[in-house]
Protein backbone atom coordinates (compact mmCIF):
# COMPACT_ATOMS: atom_id res chain seq x y z
CA MET A 1 -14.94 -8.82 5.40
CA LYS A 2 -11.28 -8.68 5.98
CA ILE A 3 -8.79 -5.51 6.18
CA ILE A 4 -5.38 -4.98 5.16
CA TYR A 5 -2.91 -1.74 4.75
CA PHE A 6 -0.54 -1.45 1.62
CA ALA A 7 1.88 1.46 1.73
CA GLY A 8 3.97 1.30 -1.81
CA GLY A 9 4.16 5.46 -2.58
CA CYS A 10 1.72 7.98 -3.63
CA PHE A 11 -1.50 6.29 -2.50
CA TRP A 12 -3.12 7.43 -5.36
CA GLY A 13 -1.67 4.96 -7.62
CA VAL A 14 -1.94 2.40 -5.19
CA GLU A 15 -5.46 2.59 -4.86
CA TYR A 16 -6.22 3.31 -8.53
CA HIS A 17 -5.03 -0.61 -8.58
CA PHE A 18 -7.21 -1.88 -6.03
CA GLN A 19 -10.37 0.37 -6.24
CA ASN A 20 -11.95 -1.68 -8.75
CA LEU A 21 -10.58 -5.23 -7.90
CA ASP A 22 -13.26 -8.04 -7.93
CA GLY A 23 -13.99 -9.09 -4.15
CA VAL A 24 -12.36 -5.59 -2.99
CA ILE A 25 -15.34 -3.89 -1.32
CA GLU A 26 -13.90 -0.40 -0.42
CA THR A 27 -10.77 1.37 -0.44
CA GLU A 28 -9.32 4.77 1.32
CA VAL A 29 -6.20 6.20 1.51
CA GLY A 30 -4.73 7.40 4.89
CA TYR A 31 -1.42 7.17 7.07
CA MET A 32 0.01 4.84 9.44
CA GLY A 33 2.73 4.02 10.93
CA GLY A 34 3.42 7.42 12.84
CA THR A 35 2.99 8.45 16.04
CA ASN A 36 1.21 11.88 16.27
CA LYS A 37 -2.53 12.03 16.19
CA ALA A 38 -4.69 13.06 13.06
CA PRO A 39 -1.85 13.82 11.03
CA THR A 40 -2.31 16.11 7.86
CA TYR A 41 -1.09 15.61 4.29
CA GLU A 42 1.36 18.99 4.55
CA GLN A 43 2.44 17.05 7.58
CA VAL A 44 3.25 13.79 6.32
CA SER A 45 4.71 15.49 3.13
CA THR A 46 7.75 16.63 5.25
CA GLY A 47 8.84 13.16 5.65
CA THR A 48 9.25 13.37 9.38
CA THR A 49 6.18 11.97 10.76
CA GLY A 50 6.53 8.58 10.31
CA TYR A 51 3.76 8.10 8.84
CA ALA A 52 3.49 6.48 5.17
CA GLU A 53 0.88 7.16 2.55
CA THR A 54 -1.38 3.78 3.01
CA LEU A 55 -4.14 2.29 1.45
CA LYS A 56 -6.85 0.61 3.57
CA VAL A 57 -8.47 -2.15 1.75
CA ILE A 58 -11.62 -4.16 2.79
CA TYR A 59 -12.20 -7.28 0.69
CA ASN A 60 -14.47 -10.26 0.82
CA GLU A 61 -12.31 -13.47 1.53
CA SER A 62 -14.45 -15.70 -0.45
CA LYS A 63 -14.25 -13.32 -3.23
CA ILE A 64 -10.76 -12.74 -3.50
CA ASN A 65 -7.81 -14.65 -1.40
CA PHE A 66 -5.38 -12.45 0.12
CA GLU A 67 -2.01 -13.89 -1.87
CA LYS A 68 -4.11 -12.64 -4.95
CA LEU A 69 -3.80 -9.06 -2.97
CA VAL A 70 -0.25 -9.23 -1.83
CA LYS A 71 1.26 -10.15 -5.51
CA LEU A 72 -1.06 -7.32 -7.23
CA PHE A 73 0.54 -4.71 -4.34
CA PHE A 74 4.37 -6.34 -5.44
CA GLU A 75 3.35 -6.00 -8.89
CA ILE A 76 2.51 -2.29 -9.19
CA HIS A 77 5.40 -0.68 -7.27
CA ASP A 78 8.96 -0.92 -6.90
CA PHE A 79 9.28 -3.12 -3.53
CA THR A 80 13.16 -2.77 -4.12
CA GLN A 81 13.26 0.95 -3.37
CA ILE A 82 13.93 2.06 0.13
CA ASN A 83 12.17 5.47 1.25
CA ARG A 84 10.92 5.87 -2.34
CA GLN A 85 8.89 5.30 -5.57
CA GLY A 86 10.15 6.87 -8.57
CA PRO A 87 10.51 10.69 -7.96
CA ASP A 88 8.69 10.55 -4.78
CA ILE A 89 11.35 10.04 -2.37
CA GLY A 90 10.78 10.40 1.39
CA GLU A 91 9.65 7.95 4.23
CA GLN A 92 6.11 8.60 3.49
CA TYR A 93 6.58 6.36 0.49
CA ARG A 94 8.35 3.65 2.06
CA SER A 95 6.97 0.41 1.04
CA VAL A 96 5.08 -1.77 3.79
CA ILE A 97 2.51 -3.81 4.42
CA PHE A 98 0.72 -3.40 7.43
CA TYR A 99 -1.00 -6.81 8.51
CA THR A 100 -4.09 -6.94 10.68
CA ASN A 101 -3.50 -10.94 11.39
CA ASP A 102 -1.20 -14.05 11.60
CA GLU A 103 -2.33 -15.26 8.31
CA GLN A 104 -1.52 -12.34 6.55
CA GLU A 105 1.78 -11.84 8.26
CA GLU A 106 2.89 -15.59 7.30
CA VAL A 107 1.28 -15.14 3.25
CA SER A 108 3.34 -11.87 2.98
CA GLU A 109 6.58 -13.65 4.30
CA LYS A 110 6.15 -16.48 2.27
CA ILE A 111 5.56 -13.67 -0.99
CA ILE A 112 8.65 -11.80 -0.05
CA LYS A 113 10.67 -14.99 0.19
CA LEU A 114 9.53 -16.26 -3.51
CA LEU A 115 10.80 -12.94 -4.61
CA GLU A 116 13.94 -13.34 -2.95
CA ASN A 117 14.33 -16.73 -4.68
CA LYS A 118 13.83 -15.36 -7.76
CA ARG A 119 16.72 -12.51 -7.25
CA TYR A 120 14.75 -9.71 -6.20
CA LYS A 121 16.23 -7.31 -3.20
CA VAL A 122 12.94 -6.74 -1.16
CA ALA A 123 12.87 -3.73 0.53
CA THR A 124 9.23 -3.99 1.70
CA LYS A 125 8.54 -3.85 5.34
CA LEU A 126 6.09 -6.30 7.43
CA GLN A 127 4.21 -4.21 10.69
CA LYS A 128 1.76 -4.92 12.45
CA ALA A 129 -1.22 -2.57 11.72
CA THR A 130 -1.62 0.75 14.01
CA THR A 131 -4.38 3.37 13.82
CA PHE A 132 -5.41 4.35 10.44
CA TRP A 133 -5.80 7.88 9.80
CA SER A 134 -8.06 8.86 6.74
CA ALA A 135 -6.60 11.15 4.42
CA GLU A 136 -8.56 14.23 3.27
CA ASP A 137 -11.11 14.27 1.16
CA TYR A 138 -9.27 15.63 -1.97
CA HIS A 139 -7.48 12.79 -1.87
CA GLN A 140 -10.01 9.74 -1.89
CA LYS A 141 -10.46 8.06 -5.20
CA TYR A 142 -8.22 10.88 -6.98
CA TYR A 143 -7.86 9.13 -10.09
CA VAL A 144 -11.52 8.52 -10.64
CA ARG A 145 -12.24 12.18 -9.77
CA LYS A 146 -9.35 13.33 -11.87
CA GLY A 147 -9.20 11.05 -14.74
CA GLY A 148 -5.83 9.55 -16.11
CA THR A 149 -3.85 6.92 -14.80
CA PRO A 150 -0.86 6.84 -12.13
CA TYR A 151 2.58 7.63 -13.26
CA CYS A 152 4.74 5.67 -11.15
CA HIS A 153 2.31 2.37 -10.40
CA ILE A 154 2.33 0.73 -13.56
CA ARG A 155 1.58 -3.14 -13.39
CA LYS A 156 4.42 -5.25 -14.14
CA GLU A 157 3.53 -9.04 -13.87
CA ILE A 158 6.29 -11.02 -12.10
CA PHE A 159 4.05 -14.03 -10.88
């Protein structure tokens, strides 16, 4: 089992697209990238903590390869936007791949280069994963509990 962390706007929408993917064992929403300990949603929502709304993905690499996960990530959010996704504005909505090993970093760089060769301006940053703080229970599996579909995470095939 491997872990990767994706930040691409509202974590509810990102989780929606990954949680039922074959090979994904578990998803959890939370926060990564800031410095204060145990951030809350209210704190992160101010856009001043350095944290990004982030999805933790635990996956079985014998069932799904990392490249497929990265490509899906780029297809479900607007990776050209800086510190926002649609109507959600602030650094907490920035696009980041928080990698956990060299292979993840290399594959992510390869996919970004592929997108740039297709003339996209990629705003997504690559950062080494730091401490992941789980979000409050009411954020977990949001669309499973509430029903519906994301308003700003609609898949657009580009690969």
